[in-house]
Amino acid sequence: MQTRKLGKDLTVSAIGLGCMGMSHAYGGQDEAASIKTLHRAVDIGVNFFDTAEVYGPFVNEELVGKALKPYRDQVVIATKFGFRIDTARAQQSAMTGLDSRPEHVREVAEASLKRLGVEVIGLFYQHRVDPDVPIEETVGAMADLVKEGKVKALGLSEASADIVRRAHAVHPISALQSEYSLWTRDPEGDVLDTCRELGIGFVPFSPLGRGFLTGKITSTADFGAQDFRANLPRFEADNMKANLALVKLVEDMASEKGITAAQLALAWVLAKGDFIVPIPGARKIPNLEQNAGAADVVLTMEEVAKLDDMLAPEKIAGARYAAQALAWTPKR
């Protein structure tokens, strides 16, 4: 697979693998199948894997560490800190607030190293910006981990352009991870421009609109038990009906090109800049292989513009998160 750069220090596959769904948020976990998928990812050239302490919580890091143990020298594992976690609560409600205090940064890093079974974390993200802790203090603590050889590169998630600049002034930021897809265009403008200017990689999560842009989801009946998408505004009945009409346009265009809707949606993301590395999730090998194939899809400027217009932000029905999650995601 082609590779791309995240900052100055990380060379990764053009498409990575988001591992959250293997043990968090989407229900129906199957560890054996997930391990096979992770192994297959390495086989086809994927070397960039994304996890976080809060996924599970904790068990996703353990799964990724276990599965990728034979390939440690070949892969870049990214993980994240930034939440207070109550392990006595159910999976979806385990996050009880934000916490990016320097001492917490170190605590999570040490715990993540053990769960992943590695000596160095490839990319260590602040999962969400903590308004109660100056970003300079948080990044200073993260930078100390780099100096100690426990972390290779630093990242932020869902941060504004101003926060990115302030963080980058303390220590080079290699990547900014935020939701970005045909139906979530928030980073366009200041955020992407700032990454481009400062040489920071951009890592879109949910580049397939939490699976919706594949065309395989037509109602909440398609979700299994404990699938958090059933509670997202965009998947409410009226909103889903309106959004399905937009996905049909994507499917039709993909069919004309002889590719899948998922591949078209990912190719659009890739076409937005050579510093962009999407991390679609995949729990099954066929979906993984399909997503990886998007790296070979070439879109013309006219096709990109057509997609821009077809799914313009004002045409999307519903907010991307419910109120609580939006409160943890600063306005840009």
Protein backbone atom coordinates (compact mmCIF):
# COMPACT_ATOMS: atom_id res chain seq x y z
CA MET A 1 0.00 0.00 0.00
CA GLN A 2 1.05 3.59 -0.58
CA THR A 3 2.39 5.48 2.42
CA ARG A 4 1.96 9.00 3.76
CA LYS A 5 3.71 11.13 6.37
CA LEU A 6 2.28 12.27 9.68
CA GLY A 7 4.48 15.14 10.78
CA LYS A 8 8.22 14.59 10.32
CA ASP A 9 8.65 11.31 12.15
CA LEU A 10 5.88 8.90 11.16
CA THR A 11 5.52 7.10 7.84
CA VAL A 12 2.26 5.15 7.75
CA SER A 13 0.00 3.37 5.29
CA ALA A 14 -2.26 5.74 3.35
CA ILE A 15 -5.25 4.11 5.04
CA GLY A 16 -5.04 2.96 8.66
CA LEU A 17 -7.37 0.84 10.75
CA GLY A 18 -9.58 2.20 13.50
CA CYS A 19 -9.88 -0.56 16.09
CA MET A 20 -12.53 0.88 18.43
CA GLY A 21 -15.41 -1.15 17.04
CA MET A 22 -13.65 -4.42 17.80
CA SER A 23 -14.44 -4.02 21.49
CA HIS A 24 -16.45 -0.83 22.00
CA ALA A 25 -19.56 1.07 20.90
CA TYR A 26 -20.87 -1.15 18.12
CA GLY A 27 -21.71 -4.36 20.02
CA GLY A 28 -21.18 -7.90 18.77
CA GLN A 29 -17.50 -8.29 19.67
CA ASP A 30 -15.60 -11.35 18.46
CA GLU A 31 -11.97 -11.38 19.63
CA ALA A 32 -10.86 -14.25 17.41
CA ALA A 33 -12.31 -12.61 14.30
CA SER A 34 -10.79 -9.26 15.26
CA ILE A 35 -7.33 -10.78 15.66
CA LYS A 36 -7.61 -12.36 12.22
CA THR A 37 -8.63 -8.99 10.79
CA LEU A 38 -5.68 -7.26 12.45
CA HIS A 39 -3.29 -9.88 11.09
CA ARG A 40 -4.78 -9.57 7.61
CA ALA A 41 -4.37 -5.79 7.80
CA VAL A 42 -0.63 -6.20 8.24
CA ASP A 43 -0.55 -8.71 5.39
CA ILE A 44 -2.05 -6.21 2.93
CA GLY A 45 0.20 -3.34 3.97
CA VAL A 46 -1.75 -1.53 6.68
CA ASN A 47 0.69 -0.48 9.39
CA PHE A 48 -1.24 2.22 11.27
CA PHE A 49 -3.61 1.13 14.04
CA ASP A 50 -5.75 3.32 16.27
CA THR A 51 -6.98 2.53 19.77
CA ALA A 52 -7.56 4.33 23.10
CA GLU A 53 -7.74 3.56 26.80
CA VAL A 54 -11.44 4.44 26.85
CA TYR A 55 -12.39 1.84 24.24
CA GLY A 56 -13.84 -0.91 26.35
CA PRO A 57 -12.53 0.71 28.49
CA PHE A 58 -9.00 -0.72 28.36
CA VAL A 59 -9.77 -4.00 26.58
CA ASN A 60 -9.24 -2.60 23.08
CA GLU A 61 -5.64 -1.71 23.86
CA GLU A 62 -5.15 -5.23 25.22
CA LEU A 63 -6.65 -6.75 22.07
CA VAL A 64 -4.54 -4.63 19.73
CA GLY A 65 -1.39 -5.30 21.74
CA LYS A 66 -2.03 -9.04 21.76
CA ALA A 67 -2.83 -9.27 18.06
CA LEU A 68 0.06 -7.10 16.86
CA LYS A 69 2.71 -8.56 19.15
CA PRO A 70 4.35 -10.51 16.28
CA TYR A 71 4.53 -7.33 14.18
CA ARG A 72 5.72 -4.74 16.68
CA ASP A 73 8.62 -3.58 14.53
CA GLN A 74 6.38 -3.19 11.47
CA VAL A 75 3.49 -1.14 12.82
CA VAL A 76 2.62 2.22 14.36
CA ILE A 77 0.09 1.96 17.19
CA ALA A 78 -1.71 5.14 18.20
CA THR A 79 -3.55 5.43 21.50
CA LYS A 80 -5.24 8.21 23.43
CA PHE A 81 -5.80 9.67 26.91
CA GLY A 82 -7.99 12.44 28.22
CA PHE A 83 -11.06 11.09 29.98
CA ARG A 84 -11.94 10.24 33.56
CA ILE A 85 -13.11 6.65 33.51
CA ASP A 86 -15.38 4.95 36.02
CA THR A 87 -14.82 1.23 35.58
CA ALA A 88 -17.92 0.43 37.64
CA ARG A 89 -20.16 1.93 34.98
CA ALA A 90 -21.40 0.37 31.76
CA GLN A 91 -19.30 0.68 28.62
CA GLN A 92 -21.08 3.62 27.02
CA SER A 93 -21.24 5.63 30.25
CA ALA A 94 -17.77 4.88 31.61
CA MET A 95 -16.51 8.32 30.57
CA THR A 96 -17.43 10.68 33.38
CA GLY A 97 -15.49 13.78 32.34
CA LEU A 98 -12.25 15.12 30.94
CA ASP A 99 -8.83 14.91 32.58
CA SER A 100 -5.62 16.12 30.96
CA ARG A 101 -3.70 17.01 34.10
CA PRO A 102 0.03 16.28 33.66
CA GLU A 103 -0.02 13.59 36.34
CA HIS A 104 -2.94 11.88 34.60
CA VAL A 105 -1.13 12.00 31.25
CA ARG A 106 1.73 10.03 32.76
CA GLU A 107 -0.57 7.57 34.53
CA VAL A 108 -2.37 6.73 31.31
CA ALA A 109 0.84 6.44 29.29
CA GLU A 110 2.33 3.97 31.76
CA ALA A 111 -0.87 1.91 31.81
CA SER A 112 -1.22 1.98 28.02
CA LEU A 113 2.36 0.79 27.55
CA LYS A 114 1.58 -2.25 29.68
CA ARG A 115 -1.74 -3.03 28.00
CA LEU A 116 -0.24 -2.69 24.52
CA GLY A 117 2.82 -4.69 25.52
CA VAL A 118 5.21 -2.19 23.94
CA GLU A 119 8.18 -0.16 25.12
CA VAL A 120 7.24 2.90 23.05
CA ILE A 121 3.83 4.26 22.02
CA GLY A 122 4.02 5.21 18.36
CA LEU A 123 1.56 8.11 18.54
CA PHE A 124 0.05 9.44 21.78
CA TYR A 125 -3.02 11.64 21.41
CA GLN A 126 -4.91 13.88 23.78
CA HIS A 127 -8.39 12.45 23.13
CA ARG A 128 -10.32 15.63 23.88
CA VAL A 129 -9.16 19.10 24.88
CA ASP A 130 -9.61 19.70 28.62
CA PRO A 131 -10.79 23.30 29.19
CA ASP A 132 -9.60 23.16 32.80
CA VAL A 133 -5.97 22.45 31.94
CA PRO A 134 -3.92 24.78 29.70
CA ILE A 135 -2.87 22.92 26.59
CA GLU A 136 0.72 24.02 27.23
CA GLU A 137 0.77 22.05 30.51
CA THR A 138 -0.70 18.96 28.92
CA VAL A 139 1.64 18.97 25.94
CA GLY A 140 4.56 19.69 28.24
CA ALA A 141 3.80 16.46 30.09
CA MET A 142 3.43 14.61 26.78
CA ALA A 143 6.77 16.02 25.63
CA ASP A 144 8.43 14.66 28.76
CA LEU A 145 7.31 11.19 27.71
CA VAL A 146 8.98 11.69 24.33
CA LYS A 147 12.22 12.74 26.05
CA GLU A 148 12.06 9.61 28.19
CA GLY A 149 11.65 7.39 25.12
CA LYS A 150 8.17 6.19 26.09
CA VAL A 151 6.36 7.95 23.24
CA LYS A 152 7.59 8.57 19.69
CA ALA A 153 5.17 11.24 18.43
CA LEU A 154 2.38 13.44 19.80
CA GLY A 155 -1.14 14.09 18.59
CA LEU A 156 -4.34 15.91 19.44
CA SER A 157 -7.95 14.98 18.75
CA GLU A 158 -10.91 17.27 17.98
CA ALA A 159 -8.85 20.39 18.71
CA SER A 160 -9.36 23.86 17.25
CA ALA A 161 -6.80 25.57 15.04
CA ASP A 162 -5.81 27.85 17.92
CA ILE A 163 -5.24 24.91 20.28
CA VAL A 164 -3.18 23.15 17.62
CA ARG A 165 -0.95 26.18 17.20
CA ARG A 166 -0.44 26.59 20.95
CA ALA A 167 0.36 22.90 21.35
CA HIS A 168 2.73 22.85 18.40
CA ALA A 169 4.67 25.76 19.92
CA VAL A 170 5.46 23.59 22.97
CA HIS A 171 6.39 20.42 21.09
CA PRO A 172 5.91 19.36 17.45
CA ILE A 173 2.49 17.81 16.91
CA SER A 174 2.60 15.01 14.36
CA ALA A 175 -1.12 14.43 13.89
CA LEU A 176 -4.54 15.86 14.56
CA GLN A 177 -7.36 13.33 14.66
CA SER A 178 -10.93 14.53 14.13
CA GLU A 179 -14.11 13.27 12.55
CA TYR A 180 -14.09 14.03 8.84
CA SER A 181 -16.07 12.52 6.00
CA LEU A 182 -18.47 13.39 3.23
CA TRP A 183 -21.12 14.05 5.85
CA THR A 184 -18.95 15.67 8.55
CA ARG A 185 -16.98 18.56 7.12
CA ASP A 186 -16.26 20.59 10.28
CA PRO A 187 -12.43 20.55 9.95
CA GLU A 188 -12.52 22.24 6.56
CA GLY A 189 -11.12 25.75 6.67
CA ASP A 190 -8.99 26.79 9.64
CA VAL A 191 -8.23 23.32 11.00
CA LEU A 192 -7.08 21.68 7.77
CA ASP A 193 -5.32 24.85 6.69
CA THR A 194 -3.40 24.95 9.97
CA CYS A 195 -2.32 21.33 9.63
CA ARG A 196 -1.18 21.98 6.09
CA GLU A 197 0.76 25.07 7.12
CA LEU A 198 2.50 23.49 10.12
CA GLY A 199 3.25 20.14 8.50
CA ILE A 200 0.88 18.24 10.78
CA GLY A 201 -0.80 15.08 9.54
CA PHE A 202 -4.58 14.89 9.69
CA VAL A 203 -6.24 11.61 10.69
CA PRO A 204 -9.99 11.43 9.99
CA PHE A 205 -11.91 9.04 12.19
CA SER A 206 -15.31 7.77 11.02
CA PRO A 207 -14.42 8.59 7.39
CA LEU A 208 -17.34 6.36 6.37
CA GLY A 209 -19.85 8.21 8.53
CA ARG A 210 -19.92 5.43 11.14
CA GLY A 211 -20.69 2.98 8.35
CA PHE A 212 -23.59 4.98 6.91
CA LEU A 213 -21.75 6.03 3.76
CA THR A 214 -21.27 2.38 2.77
CA GLY A 215 -24.97 2.18 1.91
CA LYS A 216 -25.35 -0.91 4.07
CA ILE A 217 -27.35 0.78 6.84
CA THR A 218 -30.96 1.58 6.07
CA SER A 219 -32.59 1.61 9.53
CA THR A 220 -31.72 1.26 13.21
CA ALA A 221 -32.87 -2.35 12.85
CA ASP A 222 -29.49 -2.95 11.21
CA PHE A 223 -27.78 -2.20 14.53
CA GLY A 224 -27.06 -4.90 17.08
CA ALA A 225 -27.54 -4.63 20.82
CA GLN A 226 -25.49 -1.92 22.55
CA ASP A 227 -24.72 -0.15 19.26
CA PHE A 228 -24.34 3.50 20.20
CA ARG A 229 -25.33 4.70 16.74
CA ALA A 230 -28.96 4.10 17.61
CA ASN A 231 -28.70 7.12 19.93
CA LEU A 232 -27.01 9.49 17.48
CA PRO A 233 -29.18 12.26 16.01
CA ARG A 234 -28.26 11.48 12.40
CA PHE A 235 -29.68 7.98 12.77
CA GLU A 236 -33.08 9.08 14.06
CA ALA A 237 -35.86 7.99 11.72
CA ASP A 238 -36.59 11.26 9.93
CA ASN A 239 -32.93 12.24 9.70
CA MET A 240 -31.93 8.82 8.44
CA LYS A 241 -34.56 8.96 5.72
CA ALA A 242 -33.21 12.30 4.49
CA ASN A 243 -29.59 11.13 4.70
CA LEU A 244 -30.31 7.89 2.85
CA ALA A 245 -31.29 9.90 -0.19
CA LEU A 246 -27.81 11.46 -0.15
CA VAL A 247 -26.08 8.10 0.24
CA LYS A 248 -28.00 6.85 -2.79
CA LEU A 249 -26.26 9.57 -4.82
CA VAL A 250 -22.90 8.31 -3.58
CA GLU A 251 -23.82 4.73 -4.46
CA ASP A 252 -24.87 5.74 -7.96
CA MET A 253 -21.63 7.63 -8.59
CA ALA A 254 -19.58 4.73 -7.22
CA SER A 255 -21.40 2.28 -9.47
CA GLU A 256 -20.53 4.41 -12.50
CA LYS A 257 -16.84 4.16 -11.53
CA GLY A 258 -17.02 0.43 -10.85
CA ILE A 259 -16.20 0.76 -7.15
CA THR A 260 -18.15 0.59 -3.89
CA ALA A 261 -19.70 3.53 -2.08
CA ALA A 262 -17.23 2.98 0.76
CA GLN A 263 -14.28 3.18 -1.61
CA LEU A 264 -15.63 6.37 -3.18
CA ALA A 265 -16.14 7.99 0.24
CA LEU A 266 -12.60 7.10 1.32
CA ALA A 267 -11.09 8.19 -1.98
CA TRP A 268 -12.75 11.60 -1.50
CA VAL A 269 -11.08 11.95 1.91
CA LEU A 270 -7.69 10.93 0.51
CA ALA A 271 -8.06 13.43 -2.33
CA LYS A 272 -8.34 16.30 0.13
CA GLY A 273 -4.60 16.30 0.84
CA ASP A 274 -1.52 14.09 0.90
CA PHE A 275 -1.16 14.77 4.64
CA ILE A 276 -4.49 13.05 5.35
CA VAL A 277 -4.63 9.42 6.57
CA PRO A 278 -8.15 8.10 7.26
CA ILE A 279 -8.70 5.28 9.76
CA PRO A 280 -11.94 3.49 8.83
CA GLY A 281 -12.99 0.79 11.22
CA ALA A 282 -13.42 -2.80 10.09
CA ARG A 283 -14.15 -5.91 12.11
CA LYS A 284 -14.38 -8.28 9.16
CA ILE A 285 -11.70 -9.07 6.61
CA PRO A 286 -13.83 -8.37 3.49
CA ASN A 287 -14.61 -4.86 4.76
CA LEU A 288 -10.95 -4.28 5.62
CA GLU A 289 -9.83 -5.33 2.14
CA GLN A 290 -12.52 -3.21 0.49
CA ASN A 291 -11.44 -0.14 2.45
CA ALA A 292 -7.79 -0.70 1.67
CA GLY A 293 -8.63 -0.80 -2.03
CA ALA A 294 -9.69 2.84 -1.85
CA ALA A 295 -6.01 3.83 -1.73
CA ASP A 296 -5.80 2.94 -5.42
CA VAL A 297 -8.87 4.93 -6.48
CA VAL A 298 -8.08 8.19 -8.30
CA LEU A 299 -10.69 10.96 -8.40
CA THR A 300 -10.61 13.90 -10.77
CA MET A 301 -11.01 17.43 -9.46
CA GLU A 302 -14.44 17.46 -11.06
CA GLU A 303 -15.48 14.31 -9.22
CA VAL A 304 -14.29 15.71 -5.89
CA ALA A 305 -16.23 18.92 -6.51
CA LYS A 306 -19.34 16.94 -7.44
CA LEU A 307 -19.17 15.02 -4.17
CA ASP A 308 -18.55 18.26 -2.26
CA ASP A 309 -21.81 19.59 -3.62
CA MET A 310 -23.86 16.40 -3.37
CA LEU A 311 -23.24 16.13 0.37
CA ALA A 312 -22.77 19.78 1.26
CA PRO A 313 -23.00 20.32 5.06
CA GLU A 314 -26.35 22.10 4.88
CA LYS A 315 -27.89 19.01 3.26
CA ILE A 316 -27.02 16.66 6.14
CA ALA A 317 -29.85 16.01 8.59
CA GLY A 318 -29.04 15.82 12.31
CA ALA A 319 -26.08 16.62 14.57
CA ARG A 320 -23.17 14.18 14.63
CA TYR A 321 -23.33 13.67 18.41
CA ALA A 322 -25.84 13.96 21.21
CA ALA A 323 -25.53 16.92 23.60
CA GLN A 324 -23.06 15.43 26.12
CA ALA A 325 -20.53 14.33 23.53
CA LEU A 326 -20.82 17.65 21.72
CA ALA A 327 -19.99 19.39 25.00
CA TRP A 328 -16.66 17.54 24.99
CA THR A 329 -15.94 18.66 21.45
CA PRO A 330 -14.91 22.33 21.31
CA LYS A 331 -16.34 24.52 18.60
CA ARG A 332 -13.83 25.39 15.92
